[in-house]
Amino acid sequence: MKFISLVAMVPDSKEEEAIDIAKKAGAGGVTILHGKSIGLEEKKVFFGLTLEENVSVLLFILPQKLSMKVLKAFRQELGLHNDENANGMVFTFPLTHVSGMESKEVELFEKEILEEL
């Protein structure tokens, strides 16, 4: 089975919603990292403090056949296809070697993929 890493960067306020979207689309476990977003435009300054939005980086390892379904769900549900909407970014990249996944999760992925065929 080929695996893909799907990375979703969303505002902290959308973290739970994004996880729910991914799970409904068939994703299993997720690793969550926290950071700050620095865009092209200058950040707002209020009394000398720069206001930066905190972001959650959600890392998923998914079977290749499931990854596009999850990516499309993010795109639709969070409105990522809209330039005026700053609800995040999602992208994928292939994985050549994976070790340490729970066998229950791999079995669940195999079952979901067979059901879709």
N, C-alpha and C. Protein backbone atom coordinates (compact mmCIF):
# COMPACT_ATOMS: atom_id res chain seq x y z
N MET A 1 0.85 -1.17 0.00
CA MET A 1 0.00 0.00 0.00
C MET A 1 0.89 1.24 0.00
N LYS A 2 0.61 2.20 -0.88
CA LYS A 2 1.37 3.44 -0.94
C LYS A 2 0.75 4.47 -0.02
N PHE A 3 1.61 5.22 0.68
CA PHE A 3 1.13 6.22 1.62
C PHE A 3 1.51 7.63 1.19
N ILE A 4 0.69 8.56 1.62
CA ILE A 4 0.86 9.99 1.34
C ILE A 4 0.82 10.73 2.67
N SER A 5 1.63 11.76 2.80
CA SER A 5 1.53 12.64 3.96
C SER A 5 0.69 13.83 3.55
N LEU A 6 -0.36 14.07 4.28
CA LEU A 6 -1.22 15.23 4.04
C LEU A 6 -0.96 16.22 5.18
N VAL A 7 -0.64 17.45 4.81
CA VAL A 7 -0.35 18.49 5.80
C VAL A 7 -1.41 19.57 5.64
N ALA A 8 -2.09 19.89 6.73
CA ALA A 8 -3.09 20.95 6.73
C ALA A 8 -2.68 22.01 7.75
N MET A 9 -2.59 23.24 7.30
CA MET A 9 -2.28 24.36 8.20
C MET A 9 -3.54 25.21 8.31
N VAL A 10 -4.09 25.27 9.52
CA VAL A 10 -5.34 25.99 9.74
C VAL A 10 -5.20 26.90 10.97
N PRO A 11 -6.01 27.97 11.04
CA PRO A 11 -5.99 28.78 12.25
C PRO A 11 -6.35 27.92 13.46
N ASP A 12 -5.78 28.24 14.61
CA ASP A 12 -6.08 27.47 15.83
C ASP A 12 -7.58 27.36 16.07
N SER A 13 -8.32 28.40 15.74
CA SER A 13 -9.76 28.40 15.97
C SER A 13 -10.48 27.36 15.10
N LYS A 14 -9.84 26.88 14.04
CA LYS A 14 -10.45 25.89 13.13
C LYS A 14 -9.89 24.48 13.35
N GLU A 15 -9.02 24.30 14.34
CA GLU A 15 -8.35 23.01 14.54
C GLU A 15 -9.33 21.86 14.72
N GLU A 16 -10.26 21.98 15.64
CA GLU A 16 -11.21 20.89 15.91
C GLU A 16 -12.09 20.62 14.69
N GLU A 17 -12.53 21.68 14.03
CA GLU A 17 -13.36 21.53 12.83
C GLU A 17 -12.58 20.78 11.75
N ALA A 18 -11.31 21.13 11.56
CA ALA A 18 -10.48 20.49 10.54
C ALA A 18 -10.29 19.00 10.86
N ILE A 19 -10.07 18.67 12.11
CA ILE A 19 -9.89 17.27 12.50
C ILE A 19 -11.18 16.49 12.24
N ASP A 20 -12.32 17.09 12.56
CA ASP A 20 -13.61 16.43 12.29
C ASP A 20 -13.82 16.20 10.80
N ILE A 21 -13.47 17.19 9.98
CA ILE A 21 -13.60 17.07 8.53
C ILE A 21 -12.76 15.90 8.03
N ALA A 22 -11.51 15.81 8.50
CA ALA A 22 -10.61 14.74 8.06
C ALA A 22 -11.13 13.38 8.49
N LYS A 23 -11.61 13.27 9.71
CA LYS A 23 -12.10 11.98 10.20
C LYS A 23 -13.33 11.53 9.44
N LYS A 24 -14.23 12.48 9.13
CA LYS A 24 -15.43 12.13 8.34
C LYS A 24 -15.05 11.67 6.94
N ALA A 25 -13.94 12.17 6.42
CA ALA A 25 -13.48 11.79 5.08
C ALA A 25 -12.67 10.49 5.11
N GLY A 26 -12.40 9.94 6.30
CA GLY A 26 -11.73 8.65 6.40
C GLY A 26 -10.35 8.66 7.01
N ALA A 27 -9.85 9.82 7.43
CA ALA A 27 -8.52 9.89 8.04
C ALA A 27 -8.55 9.24 9.43
N GLY A 28 -7.42 8.75 9.85
CA GLY A 28 -7.30 8.15 11.17
C GLY A 28 -6.65 9.12 12.13
N GLY A 29 -5.48 8.73 12.66
CA GLY A 29 -4.78 9.56 13.63
C GLY A 29 -4.16 10.80 13.00
N VAL A 30 -3.85 11.75 13.86
CA VAL A 30 -3.27 13.01 13.41
C VAL A 30 -2.22 13.45 14.42
N THR A 31 -1.17 14.09 13.94
CA THR A 31 -0.18 14.73 14.79
C THR A 31 -0.39 16.22 14.65
N ILE A 32 -0.44 16.93 15.77
CA ILE A 32 -0.74 18.37 15.75
C ILE A 32 0.47 19.15 16.25
N LEU A 33 0.89 20.11 15.44
CA LEU A 33 1.97 21.03 15.81
C LEU A 33 1.37 22.44 15.87
N HIS A 34 1.94 23.29 16.70
CA HIS A 34 1.44 24.66 16.81
C HIS A 34 2.51 25.64 16.39
N GLY A 35 2.10 26.70 15.72
CA GLY A 35 3.05 27.69 15.24
C GLY A 35 2.37 29.02 14.98
N LYS A 36 3.07 29.91 14.30
CA LYS A 36 2.55 31.22 13.94
C LYS A 36 2.67 31.39 12.44
N SER A 37 1.72 32.10 11.88
CA SER A 37 1.70 32.34 10.44
C SER A 37 2.26 33.72 10.13
N ILE A 38 3.18 33.77 9.18
CA ILE A 38 3.73 35.05 8.73
C ILE A 38 3.46 35.12 7.24
N GLY A 39 2.59 36.03 6.84
CA GLY A 39 2.21 36.16 5.43
C GLY A 39 2.98 37.26 4.73
N LEU A 40 2.55 37.57 3.53
CA LEU A 40 3.20 38.61 2.74
C LEU A 40 2.91 40.01 3.27
N GLU A 41 1.71 40.20 3.80
CA GLU A 41 1.33 41.52 4.30
C GLU A 41 1.82 41.72 5.73
N GLU A 42 2.07 42.99 6.07
CA GLU A 42 2.52 43.29 7.43
C GLU A 42 1.41 42.98 8.43
N LYS A 43 1.81 42.51 9.59
CA LYS A 43 0.86 42.20 10.65
C LYS A 43 0.43 43.49 11.34
N LYS A 44 -0.75 43.44 11.94
CA LYS A 44 -1.27 44.58 12.67
C LYS A 44 -0.48 44.77 13.97
N VAL A 45 -0.24 46.02 14.32
CA VAL A 45 0.47 46.33 15.55
C VAL A 45 -0.50 47.07 16.46
N PHE A 46 -0.59 46.62 17.71
CA PHE A 46 -1.50 47.21 18.67
C PHE A 46 -0.70 47.48 19.95
N PHE A 47 -0.50 48.75 20.27
CA PHE A 47 0.30 49.15 21.43
C PHE A 47 1.69 48.51 21.42
N GLY A 48 2.29 48.47 20.25
CA GLY A 48 3.65 47.94 20.11
C GLY A 48 3.74 46.43 20.02
N LEU A 49 2.61 45.72 20.14
CA LEU A 49 2.60 44.26 20.03
C LEU A 49 2.11 43.85 18.65
N THR A 50 2.85 42.97 18.01
CA THR A 50 2.44 42.48 16.70
C THR A 50 1.41 41.38 16.90
N LEU A 51 0.29 41.52 16.20
CA LEU A 51 -0.78 40.53 16.30
C LEU A 51 -0.59 39.50 15.19
N GLU A 52 -0.16 38.33 15.56
CA GLU A 52 0.02 37.23 14.61
C GLU A 52 -0.97 36.14 14.95
N GLU A 53 -1.49 35.52 13.92
CA GLU A 53 -2.44 34.45 14.15
C GLU A 53 -1.71 33.13 14.40
N ASN A 54 -2.11 32.45 15.47
CA ASN A 54 -1.55 31.13 15.74
C ASN A 54 -2.20 30.12 14.82
N VAL A 55 -1.40 29.16 14.38
CA VAL A 55 -1.92 28.13 13.48
C VAL A 55 -1.64 26.75 14.03
N SER A 56 -2.47 25.82 13.61
CA SER A 56 -2.26 24.41 13.92
C SER A 56 -1.83 23.73 12.63
N VAL A 57 -0.79 22.92 12.70
CA VAL A 57 -0.32 22.15 11.57
C VAL A 57 -0.72 20.70 11.85
N LEU A 58 -1.60 20.17 11.02
CA LEU A 58 -2.12 18.82 11.19
C LEU A 58 -1.41 17.90 10.21
N LEU A 59 -0.77 16.87 10.73
CA LEU A 59 -0.02 15.91 9.90
C LEU A 59 -0.75 14.58 9.88
N PHE A 60 -1.12 14.14 8.69
CA PHE A 60 -1.81 12.86 8.52
C PHE A 60 -0.97 11.96 7.62
N ILE A 61 -0.97 10.67 7.89
CA ILE A 61 -0.40 9.68 6.97
C ILE A 61 -1.58 8.86 6.49
N LEU A 62 -1.79 8.91 5.16
CA LEU A 62 -2.97 8.30 4.58
C LEU A 62 -2.59 7.41 3.40
N PRO A 63 -3.43 6.41 3.12
CA PRO A 63 -3.22 5.66 1.88
C PRO A 63 -3.42 6.60 0.70
N GLN A 64 -2.69 6.36 -0.36
CA GLN A 64 -2.76 7.24 -1.53
C GLN A 64 -4.19 7.39 -2.04
N LYS A 65 -4.96 6.31 -2.05
CA LYS A 65 -6.32 6.36 -2.58
C LYS A 65 -7.26 7.20 -1.71
N LEU A 66 -6.93 7.39 -0.46
CA LEU A 66 -7.78 8.15 0.45
C LEU A 66 -7.36 9.61 0.54
N SER A 67 -6.12 9.90 0.22
CA SER A 67 -5.58 11.24 0.43
C SER A 67 -6.32 12.33 -0.35
N MET A 68 -6.70 12.07 -1.59
CA MET A 68 -7.40 13.08 -2.38
C MET A 68 -8.79 13.35 -1.83
N LYS A 69 -9.44 12.32 -1.30
CA LYS A 69 -10.77 12.50 -0.69
C LYS A 69 -10.67 13.44 0.51
N VAL A 70 -9.66 13.26 1.34
CA VAL A 70 -9.48 14.11 2.52
C VAL A 70 -9.11 15.53 2.09
N LEU A 71 -8.22 15.65 1.11
CA LEU A 71 -7.82 16.97 0.62
C LEU A 71 -9.03 17.73 0.07
N LYS A 72 -9.86 17.06 -0.72
CA LYS A 72 -11.05 17.71 -1.28
C LYS A 72 -12.03 18.11 -0.18
N ALA A 73 -12.15 17.30 0.86
CA ALA A 73 -13.04 17.64 1.97
C ALA A 73 -12.57 18.91 2.66
N PHE A 74 -11.25 19.03 2.90
CA PHE A 74 -10.71 20.25 3.48
C PHE A 74 -11.00 21.44 2.58
N ARG A 75 -10.74 21.26 1.30
CA ARG A 75 -10.91 22.35 0.34
C ARG A 75 -12.35 22.86 0.35
N GLN A 76 -13.32 21.95 0.34
CA GLN A 76 -14.72 22.35 0.32
C GLN A 76 -15.20 22.89 1.66
N GLU A 77 -14.95 22.15 2.72
CA GLU A 77 -15.51 22.49 4.02
C GLU A 77 -14.89 23.76 4.62
N LEU A 78 -13.60 23.99 4.37
CA LEU A 78 -12.94 25.17 4.91
C LEU A 78 -12.86 26.31 3.90
N GLY A 79 -13.34 26.08 2.68
CA GLY A 79 -13.33 27.12 1.67
C GLY A 79 -11.93 27.52 1.22
N LEU A 80 -11.03 26.56 1.12
CA LEU A 80 -9.65 26.87 0.79
C LEU A 80 -9.47 27.28 -0.68
N HIS A 81 -10.47 27.08 -1.50
CA HIS A 81 -10.39 27.46 -2.90
C HIS A 81 -10.72 28.94 -3.12
N ASN A 82 -11.08 29.64 -2.05
CA ASN A 82 -11.48 31.04 -2.12
C ASN A 82 -10.31 31.92 -1.69
N ASP A 83 -9.80 32.77 -2.59
CA ASP A 83 -8.65 33.62 -2.27
C ASP A 83 -8.93 34.60 -1.14
N GLU A 84 -10.18 34.99 -0.96
CA GLU A 84 -10.52 35.96 0.08
C GLU A 84 -10.61 35.30 1.45
N ASN A 85 -10.60 34.00 1.47
CA ASN A 85 -10.76 33.24 2.70
C ASN A 85 -9.40 32.81 3.22
N ALA A 86 -9.08 33.16 4.44
CA ALA A 86 -7.77 32.79 5.00
C ALA A 86 -7.93 31.69 6.04
N ASN A 87 -8.55 30.59 5.63
CA ASN A 87 -8.78 29.49 6.56
C ASN A 87 -7.71 28.41 6.50
N GLY A 88 -6.62 28.67 5.79
CA GLY A 88 -5.53 27.71 5.83
C GLY A 88 -5.03 27.27 4.48
N MET A 89 -4.27 26.18 4.52
CA MET A 89 -3.63 25.60 3.34
C MET A 89 -3.52 24.10 3.58
N VAL A 90 -3.63 23.34 2.51
CA VAL A 90 -3.45 21.89 2.62
C VAL A 90 -2.65 21.41 1.41
N PHE A 91 -1.74 20.47 1.64
CA PHE A 91 -0.96 19.90 0.55
C PHE A 91 -0.55 18.49 0.93
N THR A 92 -0.11 17.74 -0.08
CA THR A 92 0.33 16.36 0.15
C THR A 92 1.71 16.15 -0.46
N PHE A 93 2.37 15.13 0.02
CA PHE A 93 3.60 14.67 -0.61
C PHE A 93 3.74 13.17 -0.38
N PRO A 94 4.35 12.47 -1.33
CA PRO A 94 4.45 11.01 -1.22
C PRO A 94 5.46 10.57 -0.16
N LEU A 95 5.21 9.44 0.42
CA LEU A 95 6.13 8.83 1.38
C LEU A 95 6.68 7.54 0.76
N THR A 96 7.96 7.37 0.85
CA THR A 96 8.54 6.15 0.28
C THR A 96 8.71 5.05 1.32
N HIS A 97 8.90 5.42 2.58
CA HIS A 97 9.07 4.44 3.64
C HIS A 97 8.27 4.90 4.86
N VAL A 98 7.52 3.98 5.45
CA VAL A 98 6.74 4.29 6.66
C VAL A 98 6.94 3.16 7.65
N SER A 99 7.23 3.52 8.89
CA SER A 99 7.38 2.54 9.94
C SER A 99 6.73 3.09 11.20
N GLY A 100 6.12 2.24 12.00
CA GLY A 100 5.57 2.66 13.27
C GLY A 100 4.07 2.90 13.27
N MET A 101 3.39 2.68 12.15
CA MET A 101 1.93 2.84 12.14
C MET A 101 1.29 1.68 12.88
N GLU A 102 0.22 1.97 13.57
CA GLU A 102 -0.51 0.91 14.26
C GLU A 102 -1.15 -0.02 13.24
N SER A 103 -1.08 -1.32 13.49
CA SER A 103 -1.64 -2.27 12.55
C SER A 103 -3.16 -2.12 12.45
N LYS A 104 -3.81 -1.67 13.55
CA LYS A 104 -5.25 -1.45 13.50
C LYS A 104 -5.61 -0.36 12.50
N GLU A 105 -4.77 0.68 12.44
CA GLU A 105 -5.03 1.78 11.52
C GLU A 105 -4.84 1.33 10.07
N VAL A 106 -3.81 0.56 9.81
CA VAL A 106 -3.57 0.05 8.46
C VAL A 106 -4.73 -0.85 8.03
N GLU A 107 -5.20 -1.73 8.94
CA GLU A 107 -6.34 -2.60 8.63
C GLU A 107 -7.59 -1.78 8.35
N LEU A 108 -7.82 -0.71 9.10
CA LEU A 108 -8.97 0.15 8.88
C LEU A 108 -8.89 0.81 7.51
N PHE A 109 -7.71 1.30 7.14
CA PHE A 109 -7.52 1.90 5.82
C PHE A 109 -7.83 0.89 4.73
N GLU A 110 -7.31 -0.33 4.87
CA GLU A 110 -7.54 -1.36 3.85
C GLU A 110 -9.03 -1.66 3.71
N LYS A 111 -9.73 -1.71 4.82
CA LYS A 111 -11.18 -1.99 4.80
C LYS A 111 -11.92 -0.85 4.09
N GLU A 112 -11.60 0.41 4.42
CA GLU A 112 -12.27 1.55 3.81
C GLU A 112 -12.03 1.60 2.31
N ILE A 113 -10.81 1.31 1.89
CA ILE A 113 -10.49 1.34 0.46
C ILE A 113 -11.24 0.24 -0.28
N LEU A 114 -11.31 -0.94 0.31
CA LEU A 114 -12.05 -2.04 -0.33
C LEU A 114 -13.53 -1.71 -0.45
N GLU A 115 -14.10 -1.05 0.55
CA GLU A 115 -15.51 -0.67 0.51
C GLU A 115 -15.79 0.32 -0.61
N GLU A 116 -14.83 1.21 -0.90
CA GLU A 116 -15.03 2.21 -1.94
C GLU A 116 -14.91 1.61 -3.33
N LEU A 117 -14.20 0.50 -3.46
CA LEU A 117 -14.04 -0.14 -4.77
C LEU A 117 -15.28 -0.89 -5.07
